[in-house]
Amino acid sequence: MPNAMTPYFLSEPNGPALTPEVIDPRIANVEILARWLDYAFELPNGFRFGLAGFIGLIPGIGNIIDALVSLYIIYRSIQLGIPGSRSPGCS
């Protein structure tokens, strides 16, 4: 699977950046947003963190910002027709 995206914890810490043919251009902005929020920065010991941790420290407003970002990601998935996941026990 040379063209598949792998989770950040499975890839090399300082490995090559994803190339445009790996990321669908229609969801590239969502991937960039997720990268900044989840794992944009790295400490010397390999610990990765993003802006979501800092946004969450703002009482009240941080929760609203996180909710709006999540709603944007859901909106983009609906807009692109990405099917939702269903757990095996759901009907």
PDB file of N, CA and C in Angstrom:
ATOM      1  N   MET A   1       0.827  -1.196   0.000  1.00  0.00           N
ATOM      2  CA  MET A   1       0.000   0.000   0.000  1.00  0.00           C
ATOM      3  C   MET A   1       0.866   1.253   0.000  1.00  0.00           C
ATOM      4  N   PRO A   2       1.594   1.523  -1.022  1.00  0.00           N
ATOM      5  CA  PRO A   2       2.471   2.685  -1.022  1.00  0.00           C
ATOM      6  C   PRO A   2       1.724   4.012  -1.043  1.00  0.00           C
ATOM      7  N   ASN A   3       0.494   4.062  -1.556  1.00  0.00           N
ATOM      8  CA  ASN A   3      -0.229   5.326  -1.645  1.00  0.00           C
ATOM      9  C   ASN A   3      -1.272   5.507  -0.551  1.00  0.00           C
ATOM     10  N   ALA A   4      -1.295   4.653   0.445  1.00  0.00           N
ATOM     11  CA  ALA A   4      -2.285   4.772   1.518  1.00  0.00           C
ATOM     12  C   ALA A   4      -1.747   5.671   2.626  1.00  0.00           C
ATOM     13  N   MET A   5      -2.656   6.399   3.245  1.00  0.00           N
ATOM     14  CA  MET A   5      -2.261   7.224   4.387  1.00  0.00           C
ATOM     15  C   MET A   5      -2.141   6.327   5.604  1.00  0.00           C
ATOM     16  N   THR A   6      -1.094   6.490   6.371  1.00  0.00           N
ATOM     17  CA  THR A   6      -0.939   5.732   7.601  1.00  0.00           C
ATOM     18  C   THR A   6      -1.109   6.681   8.770  1.00  0.00           C
ATOM     19  N   PRO A   7      -1.599   6.181   9.897  1.00  0.00           N
ATOM     20  CA  PRO A   7      -1.741   7.049  11.063  1.00  0.00           C
ATOM     21  C   PRO A   7      -0.392   7.628  11.463  1.00  0.00           C
ATOM     22  N   TYR A   8      -0.417   8.794  12.085  1.00  0.00           N
ATOM     23  CA  TYR A   8       0.830   9.475  12.412  1.00  0.00           C
ATOM     24  C   TYR A   8       1.679   8.685  13.378  1.00  0.00           C
ATOM     25  N   PHE A   9       1.088   7.840  14.213  1.00  0.00           N
ATOM     26  CA  PHE A   9       1.880   7.096  15.173  1.00  0.00           C
ATOM     27  C   PHE A   9       2.557   5.885  14.537  1.00  0.00           C
ATOM     28  N   LEU A  10       2.176   5.515  13.312  1.00  0.00           N
ATOM     29  CA  LEU A  10       2.824   4.413  12.626  1.00  0.00           C
ATOM     30  C   LEU A  10       3.895   4.886  11.655  1.00  0.00           C
ATOM     31  N   SER A  11       3.852   6.151  11.299  1.00  0.00           N
ATOM     32  CA  SER A  11       4.828   6.650  10.334  1.00  0.00           C
ATOM     33  C   SER A  11       6.099   7.085  11.063  1.00  0.00           C
ATOM     34  N   GLU A  12       7.127   7.290  10.299  1.00  0.00           N
ATOM     35  CA  GLU A  12       8.378   7.764  10.868  1.00  0.00           C
ATOM     36  C   GLU A  12       8.181   9.178  11.390  1.00  0.00           C
ATOM     37  N   PRO A  13       8.760   9.511  12.568  1.00  0.00           N
ATOM     38  CA  PRO A  13       8.541  10.845  13.133  1.00  0.00           C
ATOM     39  C   PRO A  13       8.951  11.976  12.211  1.00  0.00           C
ATOM     40  N   ASN A  14      10.044  11.835  11.522  1.00  0.00           N
ATOM     41  CA  ASN A  14      10.508  12.894  10.629  1.00  0.00           C
ATOM     42  C   ASN A  14      10.490  12.406   9.192  1.00  0.00           C
ATOM     43  N   GLY A  15       9.529  11.554   8.873  1.00  0.00           N
ATOM     44  CA  GLY A  15       9.429  10.972   7.546  1.00  0.00           C
ATOM     45  C   GLY A  15       8.987  12.002   6.522  1.00  0.00           C
ATOM     46  N   PRO A  16       8.934  11.585   5.275  1.00  0.00           N
ATOM     47  CA  PRO A  16       8.554  12.511   4.209  1.00  0.00           C
ATOM     48  C   PRO A  16       7.104  12.948   4.342  1.00  0.00           C
ATOM     49  N   ALA A  17       6.812  14.139   3.878  1.00  0.00           N
ATOM     50  CA  ALA A  17       5.448  14.664   3.905  1.00  0.00           C
ATOM     51  C   ALA A  17       4.600  13.914   2.896  1.00  0.00           C
ATOM     52  N   LEU A  18       3.306  13.911   3.126  1.00  0.00           N
ATOM     53  CA  LEU A  18       2.400  13.261   2.193  1.00  0.00           C
ATOM     54  C   LEU A  18       2.409  14.008   0.870  1.00  0.00           C
ATOM     55  N   THR A  19       2.376  13.269  -0.201  1.00  0.00           N
ATOM     56  CA  THR A  19       2.372  13.886  -1.520  1.00  0.00           C
ATOM     57  C   THR A  19       0.939  14.138  -1.960  1.00  0.00           C
ATOM     58  N   PRO A  20       0.713  15.060  -2.869  1.00  0.00           N
ATOM     59  CA  PRO A  20      -0.645  15.411  -3.287  1.00  0.00           C
ATOM     60  C   PRO A  20      -1.456  14.242  -3.815  1.00  0.00           C
ATOM     61  N   GLU A  21      -0.820  13.251  -4.451  1.00  0.00           N
ATOM     62  CA  GLU A  21      -1.605  12.140  -4.976  1.00  0.00           C
ATOM     63  C   GLU A  21      -2.118  11.218  -3.880  1.00  0.00           C
ATOM     64  N   VAL A  22      -1.607  11.339  -2.656  1.00  0.00           N
ATOM     65  CA  VAL A  22      -2.068  10.514  -1.550  1.00  0.00           C
ATOM     66  C   VAL A  22      -3.333  11.114  -0.936  1.00  0.00           C
ATOM     67  N   ILE A  23      -3.414  12.425  -0.847  1.00  0.00           N
ATOM     68  CA  ILE A  23      -4.537  13.101  -0.230  1.00  0.00           C
ATOM     69  C   ILE A  23      -5.491  13.583  -1.312  1.00  0.00           C
ATOM     70  N   ASP A  24      -6.751  13.205  -1.159  1.00  0.00           N
ATOM     71  CA  ASP A  24      -7.780  13.667  -2.091  1.00  0.00           C
ATOM     72  C   ASP A  24      -7.888  15.184  -1.965  1.00  0.00           C
ATOM     73  N   PRO A  25      -7.758  15.940  -3.035  1.00  0.00           N
ATOM     74  CA  PRO A  25      -7.778  17.401  -2.939  1.00  0.00           C
ATOM     75  C   PRO A  25      -9.084  17.957  -2.362  1.00  0.00           C
ATOM     76  N   ARG A  26     -10.169  17.187  -2.462  1.00  0.00           N
ATOM     77  CA  ARG A  26     -11.438  17.674  -1.916  1.00  0.00           C
ATOM     78  C   ARG A  26     -11.449  17.682  -0.398  1.00  0.00           C
ATOM     79  N   ILE A  27     -10.612  16.849   0.225  1.00  0.00           N
ATOM     80  CA  ILE A  27     -10.581  16.824   1.683  1.00  0.00           C
ATOM     81  C   ILE A  27      -9.240  17.292   2.247  1.00  0.00           C
ATOM     82  N   ALA A  28      -8.417  17.904   1.415  1.00  0.00           N
ATOM     83  CA  ALA A  28      -7.099  18.344   1.856  1.00  0.00           C
ATOM     84  C   ALA A  28      -7.200  19.368   2.981  1.00  0.00           C
ATOM     85  N   ASN A  29      -8.172  20.288   2.903  1.00  0.00           N
ATOM     86  CA  ASN A  29      -8.284  21.296   3.951  1.00  0.00           C
ATOM     87  C   ASN A  29      -8.691  20.670   5.285  1.00  0.00           C
ATOM     88  N   VAL A  30      -9.487  19.601   5.252  1.00  0.00           N
ATOM     89  CA  VAL A  30      -9.871  18.915   6.482  1.00  0.00           C
ATOM     90  C   VAL A  30      -8.664  18.201   7.077  1.00  0.00           C
ATOM     91  N   GLU A  31      -7.838  17.595   6.227  1.00  0.00           N
ATOM     92  CA  GLU A  31      -6.645  16.908   6.709  1.00  0.00           C
ATOM     93  C   GLU A  31      -5.667  17.890   7.333  1.00  0.00           C
ATOM     94  N   ILE A  32      -5.506  19.044   6.715  1.00  0.00           N
ATOM     95  CA  ILE A  32      -4.613  20.068   7.265  1.00  0.00           C
ATOM     96  C   ILE A  32      -5.137  20.560   8.611  1.00  0.00           C
ATOM     97  N   LEU A  33      -6.430  20.792   8.700  1.00  0.00           N
ATOM     98  CA  LEU A  33      -7.046  21.222   9.949  1.00  0.00           C
ATOM     99  C   LEU A  33      -6.839  20.173  11.044  1.00  0.00           C
ATOM    100  N   ALA A  34      -7.051  18.911  10.704  1.00  0.00           N
ATOM    101  CA  ALA A  34      -6.861  17.843  11.688  1.00  0.00           C
ATOM    102  C   ALA A  34      -5.407  17.759  12.138  1.00  0.00           C
ATOM    103  N   ARG A  35      -4.484  17.934  11.191  1.00  0.00           N
ATOM    104  CA  ARG A  35      -3.055  17.894  11.551  1.00  0.00           C
ATOM    105  C   ARG A  35      -2.703  19.004  12.543  1.00  0.00           C
ATOM    106  N   TRP A  36      -3.161  20.225  12.293  1.00  0.00           N
ATOM    107  CA  TRP A  36      -2.862  21.331  13.192  1.00  0.00           C
ATOM    108  C   TRP A  36      -3.504  21.138  14.565  1.00  0.00           C
ATOM    109  N   LEU A  37      -4.700  20.587  14.593  1.00  0.00           N
ATOM    110  CA  LEU A  37      -5.391  20.411  15.864  1.00  0.00           C
ATOM    111  C   LEU A  37      -4.869  19.222  16.666  1.00  0.00           C
ATOM    112  N   ASP A  38      -4.399  18.174  15.999  1.00  0.00           N
ATOM    113  CA  ASP A  38      -4.045  16.944  16.702  1.00  0.00           C
ATOM    114  C   ASP A  38      -2.554  16.723  16.920  1.00  0.00           C
ATOM    115  N   TYR A  39      -1.715  16.975  15.920  1.00  0.00           N
ATOM    116  CA  TYR A  39      -0.312  16.582  16.064  1.00  0.00           C
ATOM    117  C   TYR A  39       0.654  17.453  15.267  1.00  0.00           C
ATOM    118  N   ALA A  40       0.466  18.743  15.281  1.00  0.00           N
ATOM    119  CA  ALA A  40       1.299  19.636  14.475  1.00  0.00           C
ATOM    120  C   ALA A  40       2.694  19.853  15.063  1.00  0.00           C
ATOM    121  N   PHE A  41       2.825  19.711  16.354  1.00  0.00           N
ATOM    122  CA  PHE A  41       4.093  20.027  17.015  1.00  0.00           C
ATOM    123  C   PHE A  41       4.671  18.781  17.675  1.00  0.00           C
ATOM    124  N   GLU A  42       5.998  18.768  17.802  1.00  0.00           N
ATOM    125  CA  GLU A  42       6.656  17.618  18.401  1.00  0.00           C
ATOM    126  C   GLU A  42       7.696  18.091  19.404  1.00  0.00           C
ATOM    127  N   LEU A  43       7.678  17.464  20.572  1.00  0.00           N
ATOM    128  CA  LEU A  43       8.699  17.730  21.582  1.00  0.00           C
ATOM    129  C   LEU A  43       9.909  16.848  21.291  1.00  0.00           C
ATOM    130  N   PRO A  44      11.078  17.166  21.867  1.00  0.00           N
ATOM    131  CA  PRO A  44      12.288  16.396  21.566  1.00  0.00           C
ATOM    132  C   PRO A  44      12.171  14.893  21.842  1.00  0.00           C
ATOM    133  N   ASN A  45      11.352  14.481  22.816  1.00  0.00           N
ATOM    134  CA  ASN A  45      11.258  13.054  23.127  1.00  0.00           C
ATOM    135  C   ASN A  45      10.265  12.314  22.234  1.00  0.00           C
ATOM    136  N   GLY A  46       9.695  12.972  21.226  1.00  0.00           N
ATOM    137  CA  GLY A  46       8.787  12.336  20.296  1.00  0.00           C
ATOM    138  C   GLY A  46       7.321  12.546  20.605  1.00  0.00           C
ATOM    139  N   PHE A  47       7.000  13.200  21.712  1.00  0.00           N
ATOM    140  CA  PHE A  47       5.604  13.469  22.063  1.00  0.00           C
ATOM    141  C   PHE A  47       5.047  14.506  21.099  1.00  0.00           C
ATOM    142  N   ARG A  48       3.894  14.203  20.479  1.00  0.00           N
ATOM    143  CA  ARG A  48       3.281  15.106  19.510  1.00  0.00           C
ATOM    144  C   ARG A  48       2.011  15.691  20.104  1.00  0.00           C
ATOM    145  N   PHE A  49       1.732  16.947  19.792  1.00  0.00           N
ATOM    146  CA  PHE A  49       0.525  17.612  20.276  1.00  0.00           C
ATOM    147  C   PHE A  49       0.090  18.649  19.265  1.00  0.00           C
ATOM    148  N   GLY A  50      -1.146  19.103  19.412  1.00  0.00           N
ATOM    149  CA  GLY A  50      -1.693  20.085  18.492  1.00  0.00           C
ATOM    150  C   GLY A  50      -2.336  21.236  19.229  1.00  0.00           C
ATOM    151  N   LEU A  51      -2.991  22.082  18.479  1.00  0.00           N
ATOM    152  CA  LEU A  51      -3.610  23.270  19.048  1.00  0.00           C
ATOM    153  C   LEU A  51      -4.871  22.976  19.840  1.00  0.00           C
ATOM    154  N   ALA A  52      -5.500  21.822  19.627  1.00  0.00           N
ATOM    155  CA  ALA A  52      -6.741  21.496  20.323  1.00  0.00           C
ATOM    156  C   ALA A  52      -6.543  21.470  21.831  1.00  0.00           C
ATOM    157  N   GLY A  53      -5.404  21.036  22.281  1.00  0.00           N
ATOM    158  CA  GLY A  53      -5.129  21.018  23.713  1.00  0.00           C
ATOM    159  C   GLY A  53      -5.099  22.413  24.303  1.00  0.00           C
ATOM    160  N   PHE A  54      -4.563  23.353  23.569  1.00  0.00           N
ATOM    161  CA  PHE A  54      -4.509  24.729  24.055  1.00  0.00           C
ATOM    162  C   PHE A  54      -5.868  25.415  23.941  1.00  0.00           C
ATOM    163  N   ILE A  55      -6.602  25.118  22.874  1.00  0.00           N
ATOM    164  CA  ILE A  55      -7.932  25.702  22.705  1.00  0.00           C
ATOM    165  C   ILE A  55      -8.843  25.219  23.821  1.00  0.00           C
ATOM    166  N   GLY A  56      -8.700  23.965  24.225  1.00  0.00           N
ATOM    167  CA  GLY A  56      -9.510  23.403  25.292  1.00  0.00           C
ATOM    168  C   GLY A  56      -9.256  24.034  26.650  1.00  0.00           C
ATOM    169  N   LEU A  57      -8.157  24.721  26.799  1.00  0.00           N
ATOM    170  CA  LEU A  57      -7.854  25.372  28.079  1.00  0.00           C
ATOM    171  C   LEU A  57      -8.649  26.657  28.290  1.00  0.00           C
ATOM    172  N   ILE A  58      -9.237  27.191  27.235  1.00  0.00           N
ATOM    173  CA  ILE A  58     -10.026  28.422  27.350  1.00  0.00           C
ATOM    174  C   ILE A  58     -11.414  28.023  27.855  1.00  0.00           C
ATOM    175  N   PRO A  59     -11.797  28.452  29.058  1.00  0.00           N
ATOM    176  CA  PRO A  59     -13.094  28.025  29.608  1.00  0.00           C
ATOM    177  C   PRO A  59     -14.260  28.494  28.740  1.00  0.00           C
ATOM    178  N   GLY A  60     -15.169  27.565  28.444  1.00  0.00           N
ATOM    179  CA  GLY A  60     -16.381  27.881  27.693  1.00  0.00           C
ATOM    180  C   GLY A  60     -16.144  28.091  26.218  1.00  0.00           C
ATOM    181  N   ILE A  61     -15.378  29.082  25.869  1.00  0.00           N
ATOM    182  CA  ILE A  61     -15.135  29.416  24.463  1.00  0.00           C
ATOM    183  C   ILE A  61     -14.356  28.301  23.765  1.00  0.00           C
ATOM    184  N   GLY A  62     -13.439  27.666  24.466  1.00  0.00           N
ATOM    185  CA  GLY A  62     -12.668  26.570  23.881  1.00  0.00           C
ATOM    186  C   GLY A  62     -13.558  25.419  23.461  1.00  0.00           C
ATOM    187  N   ASN A  63     -14.557  25.098  24.278  1.00  0.00           N
ATOM    188  CA  ASN A  63     -15.494  24.022  23.926  1.00  0.00           C
ATOM    189  C   ASN A  63     -16.311  24.400  22.697  1.00  0.00           C
ATOM    190  N   ILE A  64     -16.705  25.651  22.599  1.00  0.00           N
ATOM    191  CA  ILE A  64     -17.480  26.109  21.442  1.00  0.00           C
ATOM    192  C   ILE A  64     -16.632  26.036  20.176  1.00  0.00           C
ATOM    193  N   ILE A  65     -15.390  26.456  20.260  1.00  0.00           N
ATOM    194  CA  ILE A  65     -14.494  26.406  19.096  1.00  0.00           C
ATOM    195  C   ILE A  65     -14.276  24.961  18.660  1.00  0.00           C
ATOM    196  N   ASP A  66     -14.028  24.053  19.616  1.00  0.00           N
ATOM    197  CA  ASP A  66     -13.856  22.639  19.277  1.00  0.00           C
ATOM    198  C   ASP A  66     -15.110  22.070  18.623  1.00  0.00           C
ATOM    199  N   ALA A  67     -16.285  22.437  19.131  1.00  0.00           N
ATOM    200  CA  ALA A  67     -17.541  21.953  18.553  1.00  0.00           C
ATOM    201  C   ALA A  67     -17.729  22.479  17.134  1.00  0.00           C
ATOM    202  N   LEU A  68     -17.407  23.749  16.894  1.00  0.00           N
ATOM    203  CA  LEU A  68     -17.548  24.319  15.553  1.00  0.00           C
ATOM    204  C   LEU A  68     -16.607  23.654  14.552  1.00  0.00           C
ATOM    205  N   VAL A  69     -15.390  23.369  14.984  1.00  0.00           N
ATOM    206  CA  VAL A  69     -14.441  22.675  14.100  1.00  0.00           C
ATOM    207  C   VAL A  69     -14.954  21.273  13.782  1.00  0.00           C
ATOM    208  N   SER A  70     -15.488  20.575  14.785  1.00  0.00           N
ATOM    209  CA  SER A  70     -16.034  19.239  14.561  1.00  0.00           C
ATOM    210  C   SER A  70     -17.225  19.295  13.615  1.00  0.00           C
ATOM    211  N   LEU A  71     -18.078  20.283  13.782  1.00  0.00           N
ATOM    212  CA  LEU A  71     -19.226  20.428  12.885  1.00  0.00           C
ATOM    213  C   LEU A  71     -18.783  20.723  11.455  1.00  0.00           C
ATOM    214  N   TYR A  72     -17.711  21.482  11.284  1.00  0.00           N
ATOM    215  CA  TYR A  72     -17.181  21.749   9.950  1.00  0.00           C
ATOM    216  C   TYR A  72     -16.724  20.453   9.285  1.00  0.00           C
ATOM    217  N   ILE A  73     -16.042  19.602  10.042  1.00  0.00           N
ATOM    218  CA  ILE A  73     -15.560  18.335   9.495  1.00  0.00           C
ATOM    219  C   ILE A  73     -16.744  17.449   9.105  1.00  0.00           C
ATOM    220  N   ILE A  74     -17.782  17.418   9.941  1.00  0.00           N
ATOM    221  CA  ILE A  74     -18.982  16.643   9.613  1.00  0.00           C
ATOM    222  C   ILE A  74     -19.676  17.230   8.388  1.00  0.00           C
ATOM    223  N   TYR A  75     -19.766  18.549   8.317  1.00  0.00           N
ATOM    224  CA  TYR A  75     -20.379  19.218   7.158  1.00  0.00           C
ATOM    225  C   TYR A  75     -19.663  18.846   5.869  1.00  0.00           C
ATOM    226  N   ARG A  76     -18.325  18.869   5.894  1.00  0.00           N
ATOM    227  CA  ARG A  76     -17.553  18.521   4.689  1.00  0.00           C
ATOM    228  C   ARG A  76     -17.778  17.067   4.291  1.00  0.00           C
ATOM    229  N   SER A  77     -17.885  16.172   5.274  1.00  0.00           N
ATOM    230  CA  SER A  77     -18.107  14.763   4.943  1.00  0.00           C
ATOM    231  C   SER A  77     -19.485  14.562   4.331  1.00  0.00           C
ATOM    232  N   ILE A  78     -20.502  15.261   4.831  1.00  0.00           N
ATOM    233  CA  ILE A  78     -21.837  15.176   4.248  1.00  0.00           C
ATOM    234  C   ILE A  78     -21.825  15.768   2.843  1.00  0.00           C
ATOM    235  N   GLN A  79     -21.148  16.898   2.682  1.00  0.00           N
ATOM    236  CA  GLN A  79     -21.074  17.578   1.393  1.00  0.00           C
ATOM    237  C   GLN A  79     -20.424  16.690   0.330  1.00  0.00           C
ATOM    238  N   LEU A  80     -19.426  15.913   0.728  1.00  0.00           N
ATOM    239  CA  LEU A  80     -18.714  15.048  -0.209  1.00  0.00           C
ATOM    240  C   LEU A  80     -19.355  13.670  -0.345  1.00  0.00           C
ATOM    241  N   GLY A  81     -20.393  13.397   0.453  1.00  0.00           N
ATOM    242  CA  GLY A  81     -21.085  12.114   0.359  1.00  0.00           C
ATOM    243  C   GLY A  81     -20.333  10.955   0.971  1.00  0.00           C
ATOM    244  N   ILE A  82     -19.485  11.229   1.952  1.00  0.00           N
ATOM    245  CA  ILE A  82     -18.740  10.172   2.622  1.00  0.00           C
ATOM    246  C   ILE A  82     -19.697   9.436   3.553  1.00  0.00           C
ATOM    247  N   PRO A  83     -19.816   8.111   3.419  1.00  0.00           N
ATOM    248  CA  PRO A  83     -20.760   7.379   4.269  1.00  0.00           C
ATOM    249  C   PRO A  83     -20.294   7.343   5.725  1.00  0.00           C
ATOM    250  N   GLY A  84     -21.266   7.344   6.621  1.00  0.00           N
ATOM    251  CA  GLY A  84     -20.951   7.247   8.038  1.00  0.00           C
ATOM    252  C   GLY A  84     -20.570   5.835   8.396  1.00  0.00           C
ATOM    253  N   SER A  85     -19.879   5.684   9.519  1.00  0.00           N
ATOM    254  CA  SER A  85     -19.514   4.336   9.961  1.00  0.00           C
ATOM    255  C   SER A  85     -20.612   3.800  10.868  1.00  0.00           C
ATOM    256  N   ARG A  86     -20.829   2.519  10.760  1.00  0.00           N
ATOM    257  CA  ARG A  86     -21.823   1.864  11.608  1.00  0.00           C
ATOM    258  C   ARG A  86     -21.116   0.753  12.355  1.00  0.00           C
ATOM    259  N   SER A  87     -21.364   0.683  13.641  1.00  0.00           N
ATOM    260  CA  SER A  87     -20.773  -0.402  14.407  1.00  0.00           C
ATOM    261  C   SER A  87     -21.539  -1.694  14.108  1.00  0.00           C
ATOM    262  N   PRO A  88     -20.918  -2.855  14.272  1.00  0.00           N
ATOM    263  CA  PRO A  88     -21.547  -4.119  13.890  1.00  0.00           C
ATOM    264  C   PRO A  88     -22.874  -4.389  14.605  1.00  0.00           C
ATOM    265  N   GLY A  89     -23.080  -3.889  15.811  1.00  0.00           N
ATOM    266  CA  GLY A  89     -24.284  -4.170  16.548  1.00  0.00           C
ATOM    267  C   GLY A  89     -25.452  -3.255  16.203  1.00  0.00           C
ATOM    268  N   CYS A  90     -25.229  -2.206  15.433  1.00  0.00           N
ATOM    269  CA  CYS A  90     -26.296  -1.270  15.084  1.00  0.00           C
ATOM    270  C   CYS A  90     -27.099  -1.781  13.903  1.00  0.00           C
ATOM    271  N   SER A  91     -28.381  -1.452  13.894  1.00  0.00           N
ATOM    272  CA  SER A  91     -29.219  -1.880  12.771  1.00  0.00           C
ATOM    273  C   SER A  91     -29.482  -0.734  11.818  1.00  0.00           C
TER     274      SER A  91
END
